[in-house]
N, C-alpha and C. Protein backbone atom coordinates (compact mmCIF):
# COMPACT_ATOMS: atom_id res chain seq x y z
N MET A 1 -2.11 -14.61 -10.97
CA MET A 1 -1.03 -14.19 -11.85
C MET A 1 -1.51 -13.14 -12.84
N LYS A 2 -2.68 -13.37 -13.42
CA LYS A 2 -3.22 -12.43 -14.39
C LYS A 2 -3.50 -11.07 -13.75
N GLU A 3 -3.99 -11.09 -12.49
CA GLU A 3 -4.26 -9.84 -11.79
C GLU A 3 -2.99 -9.03 -11.58
N ARG A 4 -1.90 -9.71 -11.26
CA ARG A 4 -0.62 -9.01 -11.07
C ARG A 4 -0.17 -8.32 -12.35
N LEU A 5 -0.34 -8.99 -13.48
CA LEU A 5 0.05 -8.39 -14.76
C LEU A 5 -0.80 -7.18 -15.08
N ILE A 6 -2.08 -7.26 -14.81
CA ILE A 6 -2.97 -6.13 -15.07
C ILE A 6 -2.60 -4.95 -14.17
N ILE A 7 -2.36 -5.24 -12.91
CA ILE A 7 -1.99 -4.17 -11.97
C ILE A 7 -0.63 -3.58 -12.33
N ALA A 8 0.32 -4.42 -12.70
CA ALA A 8 1.64 -3.92 -13.10
C ALA A 8 1.53 -3.04 -14.34
N ALA A 9 0.71 -3.43 -15.30
CA ALA A 9 0.52 -2.63 -16.51
C ALA A 9 -0.14 -1.29 -16.17
N ALA A 10 -1.13 -1.32 -15.29
CA ALA A 10 -1.81 -0.09 -14.88
C ALA A 10 -0.84 0.85 -14.15
N LEU A 11 -0.02 0.29 -13.27
CA LEU A 11 0.97 1.11 -12.56
C LEU A 11 2.00 1.70 -13.52
N ALA A 12 2.44 0.90 -14.48
CA ALA A 12 3.40 1.40 -15.47
C ALA A 12 2.79 2.52 -16.30
N ALA A 13 1.54 2.33 -16.71
CA ALA A 13 0.86 3.37 -17.50
C ALA A 13 0.68 4.64 -16.69
N TRP A 14 0.27 4.50 -15.43
CA TRP A 14 0.08 5.67 -14.57
C TRP A 14 1.41 6.41 -14.36
N ASN A 15 2.48 5.67 -14.12
CA ASN A 15 3.78 6.31 -13.91
C ASN A 15 4.27 6.98 -15.18
N LEU A 16 3.92 6.46 -16.34
CA LEU A 16 4.24 7.13 -17.60
C LEU A 16 3.48 8.45 -17.71
N VAL A 17 2.22 8.45 -17.30
CA VAL A 17 1.42 9.68 -17.29
C VAL A 17 2.06 10.72 -16.36
N VAL A 18 2.46 10.28 -15.17
CA VAL A 18 3.09 11.18 -14.20
C VAL A 18 4.40 11.73 -14.76
N PHE A 19 5.21 10.87 -15.34
CA PHE A 19 6.47 11.28 -15.96
C PHE A 19 6.21 12.36 -17.02
N CYS A 20 5.22 12.13 -17.87
CA CYS A 20 4.89 13.10 -18.92
C CYS A 20 4.38 14.41 -18.33
N ALA A 21 3.63 14.33 -17.22
CA ALA A 21 3.13 15.54 -16.57
C ALA A 21 4.29 16.41 -16.08
N TYR A 22 5.32 15.78 -15.53
CA TYR A 22 6.49 16.53 -15.08
C TYR A 22 7.22 17.14 -16.28
N GLY A 23 7.30 16.41 -17.37
CA GLY A 23 7.93 16.94 -18.57
C GLY A 23 7.15 18.11 -19.15
N LEU A 24 5.83 17.99 -19.18
CA LEU A 24 4.99 19.07 -19.69
C LEU A 24 5.11 20.32 -18.81
N ASP A 25 5.13 20.11 -17.49
CA ASP A 25 5.28 21.23 -16.59
C ASP A 25 6.62 21.93 -16.79
N LYS A 26 7.67 21.16 -17.02
CA LYS A 26 8.98 21.74 -17.27
C LYS A 26 8.97 22.55 -18.56
N ARG A 27 8.34 22.00 -19.61
CA ARG A 27 8.25 22.72 -20.88
C ARG A 27 7.52 24.05 -20.72
N LYS A 28 6.41 24.01 -19.97
CA LYS A 28 5.65 25.24 -19.74
C LYS A 28 6.45 26.23 -18.90
N ALA A 29 7.25 25.73 -17.97
CA ALA A 29 8.08 26.61 -17.15
C ALA A 29 9.11 27.33 -18.02
N LYS A 30 9.70 26.61 -18.95
CA LYS A 30 10.70 27.23 -19.84
C LYS A 30 10.08 28.30 -20.73
N LYS A 31 8.84 28.07 -21.17
CA LYS A 31 8.16 29.00 -22.06
C LYS A 31 7.51 30.15 -21.30
N GLY A 32 7.40 30.03 -20.02
CA GLY A 32 6.73 31.05 -19.23
C GLY A 32 5.22 30.98 -19.34
N SER A 33 4.70 29.82 -19.75
CA SER A 33 3.26 29.62 -19.90
C SER A 33 2.60 29.41 -18.55
N TRP A 34 1.26 29.44 -18.57
CA TRP A 34 0.50 29.13 -17.37
C TRP A 34 0.74 27.68 -16.99
N ARG A 35 0.91 27.46 -15.70
CA ARG A 35 1.15 26.11 -15.19
C ARG A 35 0.19 25.83 -14.05
N PRO A 36 -0.19 24.57 -13.90
CA PRO A 36 -1.05 24.23 -12.75
C PRO A 36 -0.26 24.36 -11.45
N PRO A 37 -0.96 24.41 -10.33
CA PRO A 37 -0.26 24.47 -9.04
C PRO A 37 0.58 23.21 -8.81
N GLU A 38 1.50 23.29 -7.86
CA GLU A 38 2.39 22.17 -7.58
C GLU A 38 1.68 21.01 -6.89
N LYS A 39 0.63 21.28 -6.18
CA LYS A 39 -0.07 20.24 -5.41
C LYS A 39 -0.49 19.04 -6.26
N PRO A 40 -1.07 19.24 -7.46
CA PRO A 40 -1.43 18.06 -8.27
C PRO A 40 -0.24 17.19 -8.64
N LEU A 41 0.91 17.80 -8.90
CA LEU A 41 2.10 17.00 -9.21
C LEU A 41 2.50 16.12 -8.02
N LEU A 42 2.43 16.69 -6.83
CA LEU A 42 2.75 15.91 -5.64
C LEU A 42 1.70 14.83 -5.37
N LEU A 43 0.45 15.15 -5.61
CA LEU A 43 -0.61 14.16 -5.40
C LEU A 43 -0.48 13.00 -6.39
N MET A 44 -0.07 13.30 -7.61
CA MET A 44 0.14 12.24 -8.59
C MET A 44 1.23 11.28 -8.09
N ALA A 45 2.27 11.84 -7.50
CA ALA A 45 3.35 11.01 -6.96
C ALA A 45 2.84 10.18 -5.78
N PHE A 46 2.04 10.79 -4.93
CA PHE A 46 1.53 10.10 -3.75
C PHE A 46 0.63 8.93 -4.14
N PHE A 47 -0.22 9.13 -5.13
CA PHE A 47 -1.16 8.09 -5.54
C PHE A 47 -0.52 7.15 -6.56
N MET A 48 0.51 6.46 -6.11
CA MET A 48 1.19 5.39 -6.85
C MET A 48 1.96 5.87 -8.08
N GLY A 49 2.34 7.14 -8.10
CA GLY A 49 3.12 7.65 -9.22
C GLY A 49 4.51 8.11 -8.82
N GLY A 50 5.01 7.61 -7.71
CA GLY A 50 6.31 8.04 -7.20
C GLY A 50 7.46 7.76 -8.15
N ALA A 51 7.43 6.62 -8.82
CA ALA A 51 8.53 6.27 -9.73
C ALA A 51 8.54 7.22 -10.93
N GLY A 52 7.37 7.48 -11.51
CA GLY A 52 7.30 8.39 -12.65
C GLY A 52 7.69 9.81 -12.27
N ALA A 53 7.29 10.23 -11.07
CA ALA A 53 7.63 11.58 -10.61
C ALA A 53 9.13 11.72 -10.40
N LEU A 54 9.72 10.74 -9.73
CA LEU A 54 11.16 10.81 -9.47
C LEU A 54 11.95 10.77 -10.78
N LEU A 55 11.54 9.90 -11.68
CA LEU A 55 12.22 9.83 -12.98
C LEU A 55 12.04 11.13 -13.74
N GLY A 56 10.85 11.71 -13.69
CA GLY A 56 10.60 13.00 -14.35
C GLY A 56 11.45 14.11 -13.77
N MET A 57 11.59 14.11 -12.45
CA MET A 57 12.44 15.12 -11.81
C MET A 57 13.88 14.99 -12.29
N ARG A 58 14.36 13.77 -12.40
CA ARG A 58 15.76 13.54 -12.79
C ARG A 58 15.99 13.84 -14.27
N VAL A 59 15.13 13.30 -15.12
CA VAL A 59 15.32 13.45 -16.57
C VAL A 59 15.16 14.90 -17.00
N PHE A 60 14.11 15.56 -16.50
CA PHE A 60 13.83 16.93 -16.93
C PHE A 60 14.49 17.98 -16.03
N ARG A 61 15.17 17.53 -14.99
CA ARG A 61 15.78 18.43 -14.00
C ARG A 61 14.76 19.47 -13.54
N HIS A 62 13.63 18.94 -13.08
CA HIS A 62 12.51 19.80 -12.74
C HIS A 62 12.11 19.60 -11.28
N LYS A 63 11.89 20.70 -10.60
CA LYS A 63 11.45 20.71 -9.19
C LYS A 63 12.50 20.11 -8.25
N THR A 64 13.75 20.13 -8.66
CA THR A 64 14.79 19.51 -7.85
C THR A 64 15.27 20.39 -6.70
N LYS A 65 14.88 21.66 -6.70
CA LYS A 65 15.32 22.55 -5.62
C LYS A 65 14.20 22.87 -4.64
N HIS A 66 13.03 22.32 -4.88
CA HIS A 66 11.90 22.54 -3.99
C HIS A 66 11.85 21.40 -2.97
N ALA A 67 11.95 21.75 -1.69
CA ALA A 67 11.99 20.73 -0.64
C ALA A 67 10.79 19.80 -0.68
N ALA A 68 9.63 20.35 -1.00
CA ALA A 68 8.44 19.51 -1.06
C ALA A 68 8.60 18.41 -2.10
N PHE A 69 9.41 18.65 -3.11
CA PHE A 69 9.61 17.67 -4.16
C PHE A 69 10.83 16.79 -3.90
N TYR A 70 11.98 17.40 -3.58
CA TYR A 70 13.17 16.55 -3.43
C TYR A 70 13.12 15.70 -2.17
N ILE A 71 12.24 16.04 -1.25
CA ILE A 71 12.00 15.18 -0.09
C ILE A 71 10.72 14.38 -0.28
N GLY A 72 9.67 15.07 -0.71
CA GLY A 72 8.35 14.45 -0.80
C GLY A 72 8.23 13.34 -1.82
N VAL A 73 8.81 13.52 -3.00
CA VAL A 73 8.67 12.50 -4.04
C VAL A 73 9.37 11.19 -3.66
N PRO A 74 10.60 11.21 -3.15
CA PRO A 74 11.18 9.94 -2.70
C PRO A 74 10.38 9.28 -1.57
N VAL A 75 9.82 10.08 -0.68
CA VAL A 75 8.99 9.53 0.39
C VAL A 75 7.75 8.87 -0.23
N CYS A 76 7.15 9.52 -1.22
CA CYS A 76 6.00 8.93 -1.91
C CYS A 76 6.38 7.61 -2.56
N LEU A 77 7.55 7.56 -3.18
CA LEU A 77 7.99 6.33 -3.82
C LEU A 77 8.15 5.21 -2.80
N VAL A 78 8.73 5.51 -1.66
CA VAL A 78 8.88 4.50 -0.61
C VAL A 78 7.51 4.03 -0.13
N LEU A 79 6.58 4.96 0.04
CA LEU A 79 5.22 4.58 0.44
C LEU A 79 4.55 3.73 -0.63
N ASN A 80 4.74 4.09 -1.90
CA ASN A 80 4.18 3.31 -3.00
C ASN A 80 4.71 1.88 -2.96
N ILE A 81 6.01 1.74 -2.76
CA ILE A 81 6.62 0.40 -2.69
C ILE A 81 6.09 -0.37 -1.49
N ALA A 82 5.90 0.32 -0.37
CA ALA A 82 5.37 -0.34 0.82
C ALA A 82 3.95 -0.84 0.59
N VAL A 83 3.14 -0.06 -0.11
CA VAL A 83 1.77 -0.48 -0.41
C VAL A 83 1.79 -1.73 -1.30
N ILE A 84 2.63 -1.71 -2.31
CA ILE A 84 2.73 -2.86 -3.21
C ILE A 84 3.22 -4.09 -2.45
N ALA A 85 4.23 -3.92 -1.62
CA ALA A 85 4.75 -5.05 -0.83
C ALA A 85 3.68 -5.60 0.10
N PHE A 86 2.91 -4.72 0.71
CA PHE A 86 1.84 -5.15 1.60
C PHE A 86 0.80 -5.96 0.83
N LEU A 87 0.40 -5.47 -0.33
CA LEU A 87 -0.61 -6.18 -1.13
C LEU A 87 -0.10 -7.55 -1.58
N VAL A 88 1.15 -7.59 -1.98
CA VAL A 88 1.74 -8.87 -2.41
C VAL A 88 1.81 -9.84 -1.23
N SER A 89 2.18 -9.33 -0.06
CA SER A 89 2.27 -10.20 1.12
C SER A 89 0.90 -10.71 1.55
N ARG A 90 -0.13 -10.00 1.20
CA ARG A 90 -1.50 -10.40 1.56
C ARG A 90 -2.12 -11.34 0.52
N GLY A 91 -1.33 -11.72 -0.47
CA GLY A 91 -1.82 -12.72 -1.40
C GLY A 91 -2.39 -12.21 -2.69
N LEU A 92 -2.01 -11.02 -3.10
CA LEU A 92 -2.43 -10.52 -4.41
C LEU A 92 -1.93 -11.48 -5.46
N LYS A 93 -2.80 -12.00 -6.27
CA LYS A 93 -2.41 -13.02 -7.25
C LYS A 93 -2.03 -12.44 -8.57
C-alpha cells in the first residue's frame, strides 16, 4: 500500500512538471523566445507524463494542431495507463 502511494505521488509530481513544461513552451511561443525542440515534450508524455501533457495541451491550447501531438499524446496516455494497469495486475502493493 505504501509503495502505491509513493508511486502515485511521483506520477502526480512528474505530470505536474510535464504540464508546466507545456505551459512554459506556450509562453515562450507567444513571446517569440527560443524554445526547445518538440521531441522532448513528446518524450515527457511518453515516459509516464501523458496526463500532464494532454492537460497542458487543453489548458494552454498548445500544440493542438500538430498531428504528432494531437495523436501522439493521447496514445502516450493510453500506453501510460496500460503500464500502470499491468503493474497493478502483477501485484504492485
